[in-house]
Structure formats: C-alpha cells, structure tokens
Amino acid sequence: MLFKFKDGIDWGDARACEAERTAAMVGGEVPELLEWRCGRNVSARDIAYDFLVEGLLDDMEAVERYLAHPFHQKAIRQWKEISEWVIADIEQ
C-alpha cells in the first residue's frame, strides 16, 4: 500500500508521525501477518508517494482477518484522515 499526503500535510504534521508510529506497530499486533515492513519515501521525485506498508499473509482469508483487525482499523482511520492511497493484493 502506498500513501500520498493530502494537500497541506507533511512529516511536520503530528498526525503523520502518529500514523507512521501506528503503522510500524501493525506487524506486531496483527497475528495473521507473516511479514510486515513500512517506511517513508526517500525519493525527491514528484510522482513518488510518501509512505509504504507491505505485508505478507498466507491467503485471502488471512487478508480478510487482517483487514478487520481492530488495530489495523485504527491505522486505517489515521491514514484516511491525512492521505490518499493505492493498494495491490498479489498471490505468489
């Protein structure tokens, strides 16, 4: 998932930093996640998004449980307030 801040939001906004902290904790809070990583964009390109989260789950049933998990829902609420995002779910 890639997040792009809404106009007027940047890393100096306390809400962005709180959303980042919450995102970093998702991997330890949601048992369905086999792997979890997240981080700030380091590129200066205009087309770049601001933040990435990436998780590895066993199957689409695990994805559904992850999506419904209360801690994940908390993270969603925080990011929804400050950003737009895109996702891709893939199978390996």
N, C-alpha and C. Protein backbone atom coordinates (compact mmCIF):
# COMPACT_ATOMS: atom_id res chain seq x y z
N MET A 1 0.85 -1.15 0.00
CA MET A 1 0.00 0.00 0.00
C MET A 1 0.90 1.22 0.00
N LEU A 2 0.55 2.17 -0.84
CA LEU A 2 1.29 3.43 -0.93
C LEU A 2 0.39 4.57 -0.53
N PHE A 3 0.91 5.47 0.30
CA PHE A 3 0.16 6.60 0.81
C PHE A 3 0.74 7.91 0.27
N LYS A 4 -0.12 8.81 -0.15
CA LYS A 4 0.27 10.15 -0.58
C LYS A 4 -0.49 11.14 0.28
N PHE A 5 0.26 12.03 0.95
CA PHE A 5 -0.38 13.00 1.82
C PHE A 5 -1.34 13.90 1.06
N LYS A 6 -2.41 14.26 1.72
CA LYS A 6 -3.33 15.26 1.20
C LYS A 6 -2.63 16.62 1.24
N ASP A 7 -3.14 17.57 0.46
CA ASP A 7 -2.57 18.92 0.45
C ASP A 7 -2.49 19.48 1.86
N GLY A 8 -1.36 20.08 2.17
CA GLY A 8 -1.15 20.70 3.47
C GLY A 8 -0.60 19.77 4.53
N ILE A 9 -0.44 18.48 4.21
CA ILE A 9 0.10 17.51 5.17
C ILE A 9 1.53 17.17 4.76
N ASP A 10 2.42 17.10 5.74
CA ASP A 10 3.79 16.62 5.51
C ASP A 10 4.28 15.98 6.80
N TRP A 11 5.55 15.58 6.82
CA TRP A 11 6.07 14.89 8.01
C TRP A 11 6.19 15.80 9.23
N GLY A 12 6.01 17.10 9.06
CA GLY A 12 5.98 18.00 10.21
C GLY A 12 4.64 18.00 10.94
N ASP A 13 3.65 17.35 10.37
CA ASP A 13 2.32 17.26 10.97
C ASP A 13 2.31 16.11 11.98
N ALA A 14 1.88 16.39 13.18
CA ALA A 14 1.87 15.37 14.24
C ALA A 14 1.01 14.17 13.86
N ARG A 15 -0.04 14.38 13.08
CA ARG A 15 -0.90 13.27 12.65
C ARG A 15 -0.14 12.31 11.75
N ALA A 16 0.73 12.84 10.89
CA ALA A 16 1.53 11.98 10.02
C ALA A 16 2.49 11.13 10.84
N CYS A 17 3.12 11.73 11.82
CA CYS A 17 4.06 10.99 12.67
C CYS A 17 3.34 9.93 13.50
N GLU A 18 2.15 10.25 13.98
CA GLU A 18 1.37 9.26 14.74
C GLU A 18 0.92 8.11 13.84
N ALA A 19 0.50 8.42 12.62
CA ALA A 19 0.11 7.36 11.68
C ALA A 19 1.32 6.47 11.36
N GLU A 20 2.48 7.07 11.22
CA GLU A 20 3.71 6.30 10.98
C GLU A 20 4.00 5.36 12.15
N ARG A 21 3.89 5.86 13.38
CA ARG A 21 4.13 5.02 14.57
C ARG A 21 3.14 3.87 14.64
N THR A 22 1.89 4.16 14.37
CA THR A 22 0.87 3.10 14.40
C THR A 22 1.17 2.06 13.32
N ALA A 23 1.49 2.51 12.12
CA ALA A 23 1.80 1.58 11.03
C ALA A 23 2.97 0.67 11.41
N ALA A 24 3.97 1.21 12.07
CA ALA A 24 5.12 0.41 12.46
C ALA A 24 4.74 -0.70 13.44
N MET A 25 3.67 -0.50 14.21
CA MET A 25 3.25 -1.48 15.21
C MET A 25 2.29 -2.54 14.67
N VAL A 26 1.72 -2.32 13.49
CA VAL A 26 0.73 -3.24 12.95
C VAL A 26 1.27 -4.66 12.88
N GLY A 27 2.51 -4.82 12.42
CA GLY A 27 3.09 -6.16 12.28
C GLY A 27 3.13 -6.95 13.57
N GLY A 28 3.30 -6.28 14.70
CA GLY A 28 3.33 -6.96 15.98
C GLY A 28 1.96 -7.16 16.60
N GLU A 29 0.96 -6.48 16.08
CA GLU A 29 -0.38 -6.53 16.65
C GLU A 29 -1.34 -7.44 15.90
N VAL A 30 -1.08 -7.69 14.63
CA VAL A 30 -1.99 -8.47 13.80
C VAL A 30 -1.36 -9.84 13.53
N PRO A 31 -1.86 -10.89 14.18
CA PRO A 31 -1.20 -12.20 14.11
C PRO A 31 -1.17 -12.83 12.72
N GLU A 32 -2.09 -12.44 11.85
CA GLU A 32 -2.11 -13.02 10.50
C GLU A 32 -0.91 -12.62 9.66
N LEU A 33 -0.25 -11.52 10.01
CA LEU A 33 0.88 -11.04 9.22
C LEU A 33 2.12 -11.89 9.45
N LEU A 34 2.61 -12.50 8.38
CA LEU A 34 3.83 -13.29 8.43
C LEU A 34 5.06 -12.39 8.34
N GLU A 35 4.93 -11.32 7.56
CA GLU A 35 5.98 -10.31 7.43
C GLU A 35 5.30 -8.95 7.34
N TRP A 36 6.00 -7.92 7.81
CA TRP A 36 5.46 -6.56 7.76
C TRP A 36 6.62 -5.60 7.65
N ARG A 37 6.53 -4.66 6.74
CA ARG A 37 7.51 -3.59 6.68
C ARG A 37 6.81 -2.32 6.26
N CYS A 38 7.40 -1.21 6.68
CA CYS A 38 6.85 0.09 6.32
C CYS A 38 7.98 1.10 6.38
N GLY A 39 7.76 2.22 5.71
CA GLY A 39 8.77 3.26 5.76
C GLY A 39 8.41 4.46 4.92
N ARG A 40 9.13 5.54 5.21
CA ARG A 40 8.97 6.79 4.49
C ARG A 40 9.66 6.71 3.13
N ASN A 41 9.10 7.38 2.17
CA ASN A 41 9.73 7.55 0.88
C ASN A 41 11.03 8.35 1.04
N VAL A 42 12.07 7.95 0.34
CA VAL A 42 13.34 8.69 0.38
C VAL A 42 13.63 9.38 -0.96
N SER A 43 12.73 9.25 -1.92
CA SER A 43 12.90 9.85 -3.24
C SER A 43 12.35 11.26 -3.25
N ALA A 44 13.00 12.13 -4.02
CA ALA A 44 12.51 13.50 -4.18
C ALA A 44 11.65 13.67 -5.43
N ARG A 45 11.36 12.58 -6.12
CA ARG A 45 10.58 12.67 -7.36
C ARG A 45 9.13 13.07 -7.06
N ASP A 46 8.59 13.96 -7.89
CA ASP A 46 7.22 14.44 -7.70
C ASP A 46 6.19 13.32 -7.74
N ILE A 47 6.44 12.30 -8.52
CA ILE A 47 5.48 11.21 -8.69
C ILE A 47 5.46 10.23 -7.50
N ALA A 48 6.47 10.33 -6.64
CA ALA A 48 6.62 9.39 -5.53
C ALA A 48 5.53 9.58 -4.47
N TYR A 49 5.15 8.48 -3.85
CA TYR A 49 4.24 8.52 -2.71
C TYR A 49 5.06 8.78 -1.45
N ASP A 50 4.39 9.06 -0.34
CA ASP A 50 5.08 9.46 0.88
C ASP A 50 5.43 8.32 1.83
N PHE A 51 4.66 7.23 1.78
CA PHE A 51 4.85 6.17 2.77
C PHE A 51 4.40 4.85 2.16
N LEU A 52 5.05 3.76 2.58
CA LEU A 52 4.72 2.42 2.10
C LEU A 52 4.50 1.49 3.28
N VAL A 53 3.50 0.63 3.16
CA VAL A 53 3.38 -0.53 4.05
C VAL A 53 3.24 -1.75 3.17
N GLU A 54 3.85 -2.84 3.61
CA GLU A 54 3.80 -4.09 2.85
C GLU A 54 3.71 -5.24 3.84
N GLY A 55 2.74 -6.10 3.60
CA GLY A 55 2.56 -7.25 4.47
C GLY A 55 2.47 -8.53 3.68
N LEU A 56 2.89 -9.61 4.30
CA LEU A 56 2.79 -10.94 3.70
C LEU A 56 1.84 -11.76 4.55
N LEU A 57 0.83 -12.33 3.88
CA LEU A 57 -0.17 -13.16 4.56
C LEU A 57 -0.30 -14.48 3.81
N ASP A 58 -0.83 -15.50 4.49
CA ASP A 58 -0.94 -16.84 3.90
C ASP A 58 -1.88 -16.91 2.70
N ASP A 59 -3.05 -16.28 2.82
CA ASP A 59 -4.08 -16.43 1.79
C ASP A 59 -5.10 -15.31 1.93
N MET A 60 -6.08 -15.30 1.05
CA MET A 60 -7.06 -14.22 1.08
C MET A 60 -7.95 -14.26 2.33
N GLU A 61 -8.12 -15.42 2.93
CA GLU A 61 -8.86 -15.48 4.20
C GLU A 61 -8.09 -14.74 5.29
N ALA A 62 -6.77 -14.90 5.30
CA ALA A 62 -5.93 -14.17 6.26
C ALA A 62 -5.99 -12.67 5.98
N VAL A 63 -6.05 -12.30 4.70
CA VAL A 63 -6.18 -10.88 4.34
C VAL A 63 -7.47 -10.31 4.93
N GLU A 64 -8.56 -11.05 4.81
CA GLU A 64 -9.83 -10.58 5.35
C GLU A 64 -9.76 -10.39 6.87
N ARG A 65 -9.11 -11.31 7.57
CA ARG A 65 -8.97 -11.16 9.03
C ARG A 65 -8.08 -9.97 9.36
N TYR A 66 -7.01 -9.78 8.61
CA TYR A 66 -6.12 -8.63 8.77
C TYR A 66 -6.90 -7.32 8.58
N LEU A 67 -7.69 -7.25 7.52
CA LEU A 67 -8.44 -6.03 7.24
C LEU A 67 -9.43 -5.69 8.35
N ALA A 68 -10.00 -6.70 8.97
CA ALA A 68 -11.00 -6.48 10.02
C ALA A 68 -10.39 -6.29 11.41
N HIS A 69 -9.11 -6.57 11.57
CA HIS A 69 -8.48 -6.50 12.89
C HIS A 69 -8.59 -5.07 13.45
N PRO A 70 -8.96 -4.93 14.73
CA PRO A 70 -9.16 -3.59 15.32
C PRO A 70 -7.92 -2.69 15.24
N PHE A 71 -6.73 -3.25 15.40
CA PHE A 71 -5.54 -2.40 15.34
C PHE A 71 -5.32 -1.91 13.91
N HIS A 72 -5.55 -2.77 12.94
CA HIS A 72 -5.45 -2.34 11.54
C HIS A 72 -6.49 -1.27 11.25
N GLN A 73 -7.69 -1.42 11.77
CA GLN A 73 -8.73 -0.41 11.58
C GLN A 73 -8.31 0.94 12.17
N LYS A 74 -7.62 0.91 13.31
CA LYS A 74 -7.10 2.14 13.91
C LYS A 74 -6.13 2.81 12.95
N ALA A 75 -5.23 2.03 12.37
CA ALA A 75 -4.26 2.58 11.42
C ALA A 75 -4.97 3.17 10.20
N ILE A 76 -5.98 2.48 9.70
CA ILE A 76 -6.73 2.97 8.56
C ILE A 76 -7.35 4.34 8.86
N ARG A 77 -7.96 4.47 10.03
CA ARG A 77 -8.58 5.74 10.38
C ARG A 77 -7.55 6.89 10.38
N GLN A 78 -6.37 6.61 10.92
CA GLN A 78 -5.34 7.65 10.97
C GLN A 78 -4.88 8.04 9.57
N TRP A 79 -4.61 7.05 8.72
CA TRP A 79 -4.13 7.36 7.37
C TRP A 79 -5.22 7.98 6.50
N LYS A 80 -6.46 7.58 6.69
CA LYS A 80 -7.57 8.12 5.89
C LYS A 80 -7.70 9.63 6.12
N GLU A 81 -7.45 10.08 7.32
CA GLU A 81 -7.57 11.50 7.65
C GLU A 81 -6.54 12.35 6.90
N ILE A 82 -5.37 11.79 6.63
CA ILE A 82 -4.26 12.62 6.12
C ILE A 82 -3.78 12.26 4.72
N SER A 83 -4.32 11.19 4.11
CA SER A 83 -3.75 10.75 2.84
C SER A 83 -4.76 10.06 1.94
N GLU A 84 -4.33 9.90 0.70
CA GLU A 84 -4.99 9.03 -0.27
C GLU A 84 -4.03 7.85 -0.46
N TRP A 85 -4.57 6.70 -0.87
CA TRP A 85 -3.66 5.58 -1.05
C TRP A 85 -4.11 4.66 -2.16
N VAL A 86 -3.15 3.82 -2.58
CA VAL A 86 -3.41 2.78 -3.58
C VAL A 86 -2.90 1.47 -3.02
N ILE A 87 -3.54 0.39 -3.46
CA ILE A 87 -3.15 -0.94 -3.00
C ILE A 87 -3.06 -1.90 -4.17
N ALA A 88 -2.37 -3.00 -3.93
CA ALA A 88 -2.37 -4.14 -4.84
C ALA A 88 -2.22 -5.39 -3.98
N ASP A 89 -3.13 -6.33 -4.15
CA ASP A 89 -3.02 -7.62 -3.49
C ASP A 89 -2.57 -8.62 -4.56
N ILE A 90 -1.48 -9.33 -4.27
CA ILE A 90 -0.95 -10.29 -5.24
C ILE A 90 -0.82 -11.65 -4.60
N GLU A 91 -0.80 -12.68 -5.43
CA GLU A 91 -0.53 -14.04 -4.97
C GLU A 91 0.81 -14.46 -5.55
N GLN A 92 1.54 -15.23 -4.77
CA GLN A 92 2.85 -15.70 -5.24
C GLN A 92 2.77 -17.15 -5.65
